[in-house]
């Protein structure tokens, strides 16, 4: 689905909220792409993937969906955790790395920050990675989902493909 949608039929120049509405009713992972997409140009060049991982159930689902859909031999992964406690974040990142290794992913870089995740994304990663993987937060059991601040931010400002798991 498009990262930004324009289903207002000429009534507004700004992107609409169709993607957020679809995500509110979906339990399927959704791959959101911007109008222009960067594809690694060299043959054999791997896709740079940033996975935002905070140890939550939503982040775990996104990690699982990515592992099921991606090609391990074509992905260089950055696992990013924003948490006030480095030891806790390290534990989450170690478990996520182990999960990806079980699914044959090889090149995994772990990053921890105490800073606000949106600020870190904006300054260090947007425009520098080929895909961002994030989770959505459940609301009312298995049938309703809500976007957290990170997916909403990426949808509004980024030109990077996004996998919402």
N, C-alpha and C. Protein backbone atom coordinates (compact mmCIF):
# COMPACT_ATOMS: atom_id res chain seq x y z
N UNK A 1 0.85 -1.17 0.00
CA UNK A 1 0.00 0.00 0.00
C UNK A 1 0.89 1.23 0.00
N UNK A 2 0.44 2.31 -0.55
CA UNK A 2 1.21 3.54 -0.57
C UNK A 2 1.43 4.09 0.83
N UNK A 3 2.61 4.63 1.08
CA UNK A 3 2.93 5.22 2.38
C UNK A 3 2.05 6.44 2.62
N UNK A 4 1.80 7.19 1.58
CA UNK A 4 0.89 8.34 1.66
C UNK A 4 -0.18 8.16 0.60
N UNK A 5 -1.42 8.30 0.99
CA UNK A 5 -2.52 8.06 0.07
C UNK A 5 -3.28 9.35 -0.19
N UNK A 6 -3.88 9.43 -1.38
CA UNK A 6 -4.64 10.61 -1.81
C UNK A 6 -5.98 10.14 -2.38
N UNK A 7 -6.89 9.74 -1.50
CA UNK A 7 -8.18 9.24 -1.95
C UNK A 7 -9.29 10.26 -1.73
N UNK A 8 -8.97 11.52 -1.79
CA UNK A 8 -9.97 12.56 -1.58
C UNK A 8 -10.49 13.12 -2.90
N UNK A 9 -10.01 12.60 -4.01
CA UNK A 9 -10.47 13.00 -5.34
C UNK A 9 -10.44 14.50 -5.54
N UNK A 10 -9.27 15.08 -5.30
CA UNK A 10 -9.07 16.49 -5.60
C UNK A 10 -9.57 17.46 -4.56
N UNK A 11 -10.09 16.99 -3.45
CA UNK A 11 -10.60 17.92 -2.45
C UNK A 11 -9.49 18.45 -1.55
N UNK A 12 -8.35 17.76 -1.49
CA UNK A 12 -7.23 18.21 -0.66
C UNK A 12 -5.94 17.87 -1.37
N UNK A 13 -4.95 18.72 -1.17
CA UNK A 13 -3.63 18.43 -1.71
C UNK A 13 -2.79 17.61 -0.76
N UNK A 14 -3.18 17.57 0.50
CA UNK A 14 -2.41 16.82 1.50
C UNK A 14 -2.78 15.34 1.45
N UNK A 15 -1.82 14.47 1.85
CA UNK A 15 -2.14 13.04 1.92
C UNK A 15 -3.26 12.78 2.92
N UNK A 16 -4.05 11.77 2.64
CA UNK A 16 -5.14 11.40 3.53
C UNK A 16 -4.68 10.44 4.61
N UNK A 17 -5.64 9.90 5.34
CA UNK A 17 -5.34 8.99 6.44
C UNK A 17 -5.78 7.56 6.12
N UNK A 18 -5.88 7.23 4.84
CA UNK A 18 -6.35 5.90 4.43
C UNK A 18 -5.49 4.78 4.99
N UNK A 19 -4.16 4.95 4.97
CA UNK A 19 -3.27 3.91 5.48
C UNK A 19 -3.56 3.66 6.95
N UNK A 20 -3.69 4.72 7.75
CA UNK A 20 -3.97 4.54 9.17
C UNK A 20 -5.31 3.83 9.38
N UNK A 21 -6.30 4.14 8.56
CA UNK A 21 -7.61 3.49 8.68
C UNK A 21 -7.52 2.01 8.34
N UNK A 22 -6.76 1.68 7.29
CA UNK A 22 -6.59 0.27 6.92
C UNK A 22 -5.88 -0.46 8.07
N UNK A 23 -4.85 0.16 8.62
CA UNK A 23 -4.11 -0.48 9.71
C UNK A 23 -4.95 -0.66 10.96
N UNK A 24 -5.92 0.22 11.17
CA UNK A 24 -6.82 0.09 12.33
C UNK A 24 -7.66 -1.18 12.26
N UNK A 25 -7.83 -1.75 11.05
CA UNK A 25 -8.69 -2.92 10.89
C UNK A 25 -7.95 -4.14 10.38
N UNK A 26 -6.63 -4.12 10.45
CA UNK A 26 -5.85 -5.20 9.86
C UNK A 26 -4.98 -5.88 10.90
N UNK A 27 -4.90 -7.20 10.82
CA UNK A 27 -3.93 -7.93 11.63
C UNK A 27 -2.83 -8.51 10.74
N UNK A 28 -2.91 -8.20 9.45
CA UNK A 28 -1.93 -8.66 8.48
C UNK A 28 -0.77 -7.67 8.45
N UNK A 29 0.45 -8.13 8.29
CA UNK A 29 1.53 -7.16 8.12
C UNK A 29 1.30 -6.36 6.83
N UNK A 30 1.63 -5.08 6.90
CA UNK A 30 1.43 -4.22 5.74
C UNK A 30 2.76 -3.60 5.36
N UNK A 31 3.09 -3.73 4.08
CA UNK A 31 4.30 -3.14 3.53
C UNK A 31 3.89 -1.84 2.87
N UNK A 32 4.39 -0.72 3.40
CA UNK A 32 4.01 0.61 2.92
C UNK A 32 5.17 1.19 2.14
N UNK A 33 4.90 1.64 0.93
CA UNK A 33 5.98 2.16 0.10
C UNK A 33 5.72 3.62 -0.26
N UNK A 34 6.79 4.43 -0.31
CA UNK A 34 6.64 5.82 -0.73
C UNK A 34 6.49 5.90 -2.24
N UNK A 35 6.22 7.10 -2.73
CA UNK A 35 6.04 7.29 -4.16
C UNK A 35 7.29 6.88 -4.94
N UNK A 36 8.45 7.25 -4.42
CA UNK A 36 9.71 6.84 -5.04
C UNK A 36 10.42 5.92 -4.06
N UNK A 37 10.94 4.82 -4.57
CA UNK A 37 11.57 3.83 -3.70
C UNK A 37 13.02 3.63 -4.13
N UNK A 38 13.92 3.53 -3.16
CA UNK A 38 15.33 3.26 -3.44
C UNK A 38 15.54 1.76 -3.48
N UNK A 39 16.09 1.30 -4.58
CA UNK A 39 16.44 -0.12 -4.69
C UNK A 39 17.95 -0.18 -4.85
N UNK A 40 18.64 -0.99 -4.02
CA UNK A 40 20.09 -1.08 -4.17
C UNK A 40 20.47 -1.36 -5.63
N UNK A 41 21.40 -0.55 -6.16
CA UNK A 41 21.71 -0.59 -7.58
C UNK A 41 22.65 -1.71 -7.99
N UNK A 42 23.65 -2.00 -7.20
CA UNK A 42 24.62 -3.02 -7.58
C UNK A 42 24.03 -4.41 -7.40
N UNK A 43 24.37 -5.28 -8.31
CA UNK A 43 23.96 -6.67 -8.16
C UNK A 43 24.61 -7.22 -6.91
N UNK A 44 23.85 -7.88 -6.11
CA UNK A 44 24.39 -8.47 -4.90
C UNK A 44 24.41 -7.54 -3.70
N UNK A 45 24.08 -6.25 -3.89
CA UNK A 45 24.07 -5.32 -2.76
C UNK A 45 22.90 -5.68 -1.85
N UNK A 46 23.17 -5.70 -0.58
CA UNK A 46 22.13 -6.07 0.37
C UNK A 46 21.26 -4.87 0.76
N UNK A 47 20.04 -5.17 1.13
CA UNK A 47 19.11 -4.16 1.59
C UNK A 47 19.43 -3.83 3.05
N UNK A 48 19.53 -2.54 3.38
CA UNK A 48 19.75 -2.11 4.76
C UNK A 48 18.40 -2.00 5.45
N UNK A 49 18.22 -2.79 6.51
CA UNK A 49 16.95 -2.86 7.21
C UNK A 49 17.13 -2.39 8.65
N UNK A 50 16.31 -1.44 9.07
CA UNK A 50 16.29 -1.00 10.46
C UNK A 50 15.07 -1.59 11.13
N UNK A 51 15.29 -2.32 12.21
CA UNK A 51 14.18 -2.89 12.98
C UNK A 51 14.15 -2.20 14.33
N UNK A 52 13.08 -1.46 14.56
CA UNK A 52 12.88 -0.79 15.85
C UNK A 52 12.35 -1.84 16.82
N UNK A 53 13.12 -2.12 17.87
CA UNK A 53 12.74 -3.22 18.76
C UNK A 53 12.88 -2.81 20.22
N UNK A 54 11.76 -2.83 20.94
CA UNK A 54 11.78 -2.45 22.35
C UNK A 54 11.35 -3.58 23.29
N UNK A 55 11.26 -4.79 22.76
CA UNK A 55 10.89 -5.93 23.58
C UNK A 55 9.40 -6.11 23.76
N UNK A 56 8.59 -5.23 23.21
CA UNK A 56 7.13 -5.32 23.37
C UNK A 56 6.57 -6.43 22.48
N UNK A 57 5.35 -6.81 22.75
CA UNK A 57 4.66 -7.82 21.95
C UNK A 57 4.53 -7.34 20.51
N UNK A 58 4.21 -6.07 20.32
CA UNK A 58 4.07 -5.50 18.97
C UNK A 58 5.39 -5.56 18.22
N UNK A 59 6.48 -5.23 18.88
CA UNK A 59 7.80 -5.28 18.24
C UNK A 59 8.18 -6.72 17.92
N UNK A 60 7.81 -7.64 18.80
CA UNK A 60 8.06 -9.06 18.55
C UNK A 60 7.31 -9.57 17.33
N UNK A 61 6.06 -9.14 17.19
CA UNK A 61 5.28 -9.54 16.01
C UNK A 61 5.90 -8.98 14.73
N UNK A 62 6.35 -7.73 14.78
CA UNK A 62 6.97 -7.13 13.60
C UNK A 62 8.25 -7.88 13.23
N UNK A 63 9.04 -8.22 14.22
CA UNK A 63 10.28 -8.98 13.98
C UNK A 63 9.95 -10.33 13.35
N UNK A 64 8.94 -10.99 13.88
CA UNK A 64 8.52 -12.29 13.35
C UNK A 64 8.05 -12.17 11.90
N UNK A 65 7.23 -11.17 11.62
CA UNK A 65 6.72 -10.99 10.26
C UNK A 65 7.87 -10.70 9.29
N UNK A 66 8.82 -9.87 9.71
CA UNK A 66 9.97 -9.58 8.86
C UNK A 66 10.74 -10.87 8.56
N UNK A 67 11.00 -11.67 9.58
CA UNK A 67 11.77 -12.91 9.40
C UNK A 67 11.05 -13.87 8.46
N UNK A 68 9.73 -13.85 8.45
CA UNK A 68 8.96 -14.71 7.57
C UNK A 68 8.95 -14.22 6.12
N UNK A 69 9.08 -12.91 5.92
CA UNK A 69 8.92 -12.33 4.59
C UNK A 69 10.23 -11.98 3.87
N UNK A 70 11.28 -11.72 4.60
CA UNK A 70 12.52 -11.21 4.01
C UNK A 70 13.45 -12.33 3.56
N UNK A 71 14.41 -11.95 2.73
CA UNK A 71 15.43 -12.88 2.27
C UNK A 71 16.69 -12.68 3.11
N UNK A 72 17.05 -13.66 3.93
CA UNK A 72 18.19 -13.50 4.83
C UNK A 72 19.50 -13.14 4.14
N UNK A 73 19.76 -13.72 2.98
CA UNK A 73 21.03 -13.47 2.30
C UNK A 73 21.06 -12.13 1.58
N UNK A 74 19.95 -11.39 1.59
CA UNK A 74 19.88 -10.08 0.93
C UNK A 74 19.67 -8.94 1.92
N UNK A 75 19.82 -9.20 3.23
CA UNK A 75 19.50 -8.18 4.24
C UNK A 75 20.64 -7.96 5.21
N UNK A 76 21.01 -6.68 5.38
CA UNK A 76 21.88 -6.25 6.48
C UNK A 76 20.97 -5.55 7.48
N UNK A 77 21.01 -6.01 8.72
CA UNK A 77 20.02 -5.57 9.69
C UNK A 77 20.66 -4.73 10.79
N UNK A 78 19.94 -3.66 11.15
CA UNK A 78 20.28 -2.86 12.32
C UNK A 78 19.10 -3.02 13.28
N UNK A 79 19.38 -3.59 14.44
CA UNK A 79 18.37 -3.68 15.50
C UNK A 79 18.56 -2.46 16.39
N UNK A 80 17.53 -1.65 16.54
CA UNK A 80 17.62 -0.42 17.32
C UNK A 80 16.65 -0.47 18.49
N UNK A 81 17.18 -0.21 19.68
CA UNK A 81 16.34 -0.15 20.86
C UNK A 81 16.55 1.18 21.57
N UNK A 82 15.44 1.84 21.88
CA UNK A 82 15.48 3.06 22.67
C UNK A 82 14.88 2.72 24.04
N UNK A 83 15.74 2.73 25.05
CA UNK A 83 15.31 2.35 26.39
C UNK A 83 16.20 3.06 27.38
N UNK A 84 15.65 3.45 28.50
CA UNK A 84 16.46 4.18 29.49
C UNK A 84 17.51 3.30 30.16
N UNK A 85 17.28 1.99 30.20
CA UNK A 85 18.22 1.08 30.86
C UNK A 85 18.98 0.26 29.81
N UNK A 86 20.28 0.44 29.75
CA UNK A 86 21.11 -0.22 28.74
C UNK A 86 21.09 -1.73 28.91
N UNK A 87 21.08 -2.22 30.13
CA UNK A 87 21.09 -3.67 30.35
C UNK A 87 19.80 -4.32 29.83
N UNK A 88 18.67 -3.69 30.12
CA UNK A 88 17.39 -4.20 29.64
C UNK A 88 17.35 -4.18 28.12
N UNK A 89 17.76 -3.05 27.54
CA UNK A 89 17.78 -2.93 26.08
C UNK A 89 18.71 -3.98 25.47
N UNK A 90 19.86 -4.19 26.08
CA UNK A 90 20.80 -5.19 25.59
C UNK A 90 20.20 -6.58 25.60
N UNK A 91 19.45 -6.89 26.64
CA UNK A 91 18.79 -8.19 26.73
C UNK A 91 17.77 -8.36 25.61
N UNK A 92 16.96 -7.31 25.37
CA UNK A 92 15.98 -7.35 24.27
C UNK A 92 16.68 -7.54 22.93
N UNK A 93 17.75 -6.79 22.71
CA UNK A 93 18.46 -6.87 21.44
C UNK A 93 19.12 -8.23 21.24
N UNK A 94 19.67 -8.80 22.32
CA UNK A 94 20.28 -10.13 22.23
C UNK A 94 19.25 -11.18 21.82
N UNK A 95 18.06 -11.10 22.41
CA UNK A 95 17.01 -12.06 22.08
C UNK A 95 16.52 -11.89 20.63
N UNK A 96 16.39 -10.64 20.20
CA UNK A 96 15.97 -10.39 18.82
C UNK A 96 17.04 -10.89 17.85
N UNK A 97 18.31 -10.65 18.18
CA UNK A 97 19.40 -11.13 17.33
C UNK A 97 19.39 -12.65 17.24
N UNK A 98 19.19 -13.32 18.36
CA UNK A 98 19.14 -14.78 18.38
C UNK A 98 17.99 -15.28 17.50
N UNK A 99 16.84 -14.64 17.59
CA UNK A 99 15.69 -15.02 16.77
C UNK A 99 16.03 -14.90 15.28
N UNK A 100 16.66 -13.80 14.90
CA UNK A 100 17.02 -13.60 13.50
C UNK A 100 18.06 -14.62 13.04
N UNK A 101 19.01 -14.94 13.91
CA UNK A 101 20.00 -15.98 13.56
C UNK A 101 19.32 -17.32 13.32
N UNK A 102 18.31 -17.63 14.12
CA UNK A 102 17.56 -18.88 13.92
C UNK A 102 16.89 -18.92 12.56
N UNK A 103 16.63 -17.74 11.99
CA UNK A 103 15.99 -17.65 10.68
C UNK A 103 17.01 -17.34 9.58
N UNK A 104 18.26 -17.65 9.85
CA UNK A 104 19.35 -17.57 8.86
C UNK A 104 19.81 -16.16 8.50
N UNK A 105 19.46 -15.16 9.28
CA UNK A 105 19.98 -13.82 9.05
C UNK A 105 21.37 -13.75 9.66
N UNK A 106 22.32 -13.22 8.88
CA UNK A 106 23.71 -13.22 9.32
C UNK A 106 24.21 -11.89 9.84
N UNK A 107 24.18 -10.87 9.01
CA UNK A 107 24.78 -9.59 9.39
C UNK A 107 23.77 -8.76 10.19
N UNK A 108 23.98 -8.71 11.51
CA UNK A 108 23.07 -7.99 12.40
C UNK A 108 23.90 -7.07 13.29
N UNK A 109 23.55 -5.80 13.27
CA UNK A 109 24.21 -4.80 14.10
C UNK A 109 23.21 -4.34 15.16
N UNK A 110 23.62 -4.33 16.42
CA UNK A 110 22.73 -3.91 17.50
C UNK A 110 23.10 -2.51 17.95
N UNK A 111 22.07 -1.66 18.09
CA UNK A 111 22.26 -0.27 18.53
C UNK A 111 21.30 0.02 19.67
N UNK A 112 21.84 0.68 20.69
CA UNK A 112 21.01 1.10 21.82
C UNK A 112 21.14 2.60 21.98
N UNK A 113 20.04 3.22 22.33
CA UNK A 113 20.06 4.64 22.65
C UNK A 113 19.13 4.91 23.81
N UNK A 114 19.47 5.91 24.56
CA UNK A 114 18.62 6.38 25.65
C UNK A 114 17.73 7.52 25.14
N UNK A 115 18.10 8.05 23.96
CA UNK A 115 17.40 9.20 23.38
C UNK A 115 16.04 8.80 22.81
N UNK A 116 15.23 9.81 22.53
CA UNK A 116 13.92 9.61 21.94
C UNK A 116 14.07 8.91 20.58
N UNK A 117 13.32 7.84 20.38
CA UNK A 117 13.45 7.02 19.18
C UNK A 117 13.16 7.82 17.90
N UNK A 118 12.19 8.70 17.95
CA UNK A 118 11.86 9.48 16.75
C UNK A 118 13.02 10.41 16.39
N UNK A 119 13.62 11.03 17.39
CA UNK A 119 14.76 11.91 17.11
C UNK A 119 15.93 11.12 16.52
N UNK A 120 16.18 9.94 17.05
CA UNK A 120 17.27 9.09 16.55
C UNK A 120 16.97 8.66 15.11
N UNK A 121 15.74 8.27 14.85
CA UNK A 121 15.36 7.90 13.48
C UNK A 121 15.61 9.06 12.52
N UNK A 122 15.15 10.23 12.93
CA UNK A 122 15.28 11.40 12.07
C UNK A 122 16.72 11.77 11.79
N UNK A 123 17.57 11.77 12.80
CA UNK A 123 18.95 12.22 12.61
C UNK A 123 19.87 11.15 12.05
N UNK A 124 19.62 9.89 12.37
CA UNK A 124 20.60 8.85 12.03
C UNK A 124 20.17 7.85 10.96
N UNK A 125 18.86 7.70 10.70
CA UNK A 125 18.46 6.58 9.86
C UNK A 125 17.57 6.91 8.66
N UNK A 126 16.70 7.89 8.78
CA UNK A 126 15.80 8.18 7.65
C UNK A 126 16.62 8.61 6.44
N UNK A 127 16.34 7.99 5.33
CA UNK A 127 17.08 8.26 4.11
C UNK A 127 18.37 7.47 4.00
N UNK A 128 18.74 6.72 5.04
CA UNK A 128 19.98 5.95 5.03
C UNK A 128 19.74 4.45 5.07
N UNK A 129 18.50 4.04 5.24
CA UNK A 129 18.16 2.62 5.23
C UNK A 129 17.12 2.38 4.14
N UNK A 130 16.99 1.14 3.71
CA UNK A 130 16.08 0.78 2.63
C UNK A 130 14.71 0.33 3.12
N UNK A 131 14.61 -0.05 4.39
CA UNK A 131 13.35 -0.52 4.97
C UNK A 131 13.39 -0.30 6.47
N UNK A 132 12.26 0.12 7.03
CA UNK A 132 12.11 0.25 8.48
C UNK A 132 11.00 -0.71 8.90
N UNK A 133 11.26 -1.49 9.95
CA UNK A 133 10.30 -2.46 10.46
C UNK A 133 9.86 -2.01 11.86
N UNK A 134 8.54 -1.87 12.04
CA UNK A 134 7.98 -1.44 13.33
C UNK A 134 6.74 -2.26 13.64
N UNK A 135 6.35 -2.25 14.89
CA UNK A 135 5.13 -2.94 15.31
C UNK A 135 3.97 -1.98 15.46
N UNK A 136 2.77 -2.52 15.53
CA UNK A 136 1.57 -1.74 15.84
C UNK A 136 1.06 -2.24 17.18
N UNK A 137 0.38 -1.40 17.90
CA UNK A 137 -0.09 -1.76 19.24
C UNK A 137 -1.52 -2.26 19.19
N UNK A 138 -1.77 -3.39 19.86
CA UNK A 138 -3.12 -3.94 19.82
C UNK A 138 -4.05 -3.14 20.72
N UNK A 139 -5.31 -3.16 20.34
CA UNK A 139 -6.37 -2.49 21.10
C UNK A 139 -7.59 -3.38 20.97
N UNK A 140 -8.20 -3.78 22.04
CA UNK A 140 -9.36 -4.67 22.03
C UNK A 140 -9.02 -6.05 21.46
N UNK A 141 -8.09 -6.70 22.08
CA UNK A 141 -7.78 -8.07 21.69
C UNK A 141 -7.09 -8.18 20.35
N UNK A 142 -7.39 -9.24 19.64
CA UNK A 142 -6.71 -9.53 18.39
C UNK A 142 -7.30 -8.79 17.19
N UNK A 143 -8.42 -8.15 17.35
CA UNK A 143 -9.11 -7.66 16.17
C UNK A 143 -8.94 -6.18 15.86
N UNK A 144 -8.36 -5.41 16.76
CA UNK A 144 -8.17 -3.99 16.51
C UNK A 144 -6.72 -3.64 16.77
N UNK A 145 -6.16 -2.82 15.94
CA UNK A 145 -4.77 -2.39 16.12
C UNK A 145 -4.70 -0.88 16.06
N UNK A 146 -3.70 -0.33 16.72
CA UNK A 146 -3.52 1.11 16.74
C UNK A 146 -2.06 1.42 16.45
N UNK A 147 -1.84 2.42 15.64
CA UNK A 147 -0.46 2.81 15.34
C UNK A 147 0.12 3.56 16.52
N UNK A 148 1.34 3.23 16.88
CA UNK A 148 2.07 3.99 17.88
C UNK A 148 2.69 5.21 17.23
N UNK A 149 3.42 5.97 18.00
CA UNK A 149 3.97 7.23 17.50
C UNK A 149 5.04 7.02 16.42
N UNK A 150 5.82 5.94 16.50
CA UNK A 150 6.88 5.72 15.50
C UNK A 150 6.30 5.45 14.12
N UNK A 151 5.37 4.50 13.94
CA UNK A 151 4.81 4.31 12.60
C UNK A 151 4.10 5.56 12.08
N UNK A 152 3.36 6.25 12.94
CA UNK A 152 2.67 7.47 12.51
C UNK A 152 3.68 8.51 12.02
N UNK A 153 4.76 8.66 12.74
CA UNK A 153 5.80 9.62 12.35
C UNK A 153 6.39 9.25 10.99
N UNK A 154 6.74 7.99 10.82
CA UNK A 154 7.36 7.55 9.56
C UNK A 154 6.40 7.73 8.40
N UNK A 155 5.14 7.41 8.60
CA UNK A 155 4.14 7.57 7.55
C UNK A 155 4.04 9.03 7.12
N UNK A 156 4.10 9.93 8.08
CA UNK A 156 3.93 11.35 7.77
C UNK A 156 5.15 12.02 7.14
N UNK A 157 6.37 11.62 7.54
CA UNK A 157 7.54 12.40 7.09
C UNK A 157 8.56 11.63 6.25
N UNK A 158 8.59 10.34 6.33
CA UNK A 158 9.68 9.59 5.70
C UNK A 158 9.38 9.25 4.25
N UNK A 159 10.43 9.00 3.53
CA UNK A 159 10.35 8.47 2.17
C UNK A 159 11.04 7.11 2.14
N UNK A 160 10.85 6.36 3.20
CA UNK A 160 11.47 5.05 3.36
C UNK A 160 10.37 4.01 3.45
N UNK A 161 10.48 2.90 2.73
CA UNK A 161 9.49 1.83 2.88
C UNK A 161 9.40 1.39 4.34
N UNK A 162 8.21 0.95 4.71
CA UNK A 162 7.91 0.62 6.09
C UNK A 162 7.14 -0.70 6.13
N UNK A 163 7.60 -1.62 6.98
CA UNK A 163 6.86 -2.86 7.22
C UNK A 163 6.28 -2.75 8.61
N UNK A 164 4.95 -2.72 8.68
CA UNK A 164 4.26 -2.67 9.97
C UNK A 164 3.73 -4.06 10.24
N UNK A 165 4.28 -4.69 11.26
CA UNK A 165 3.94 -6.08 11.56
C UNK A 165 2.96 -6.14 12.67
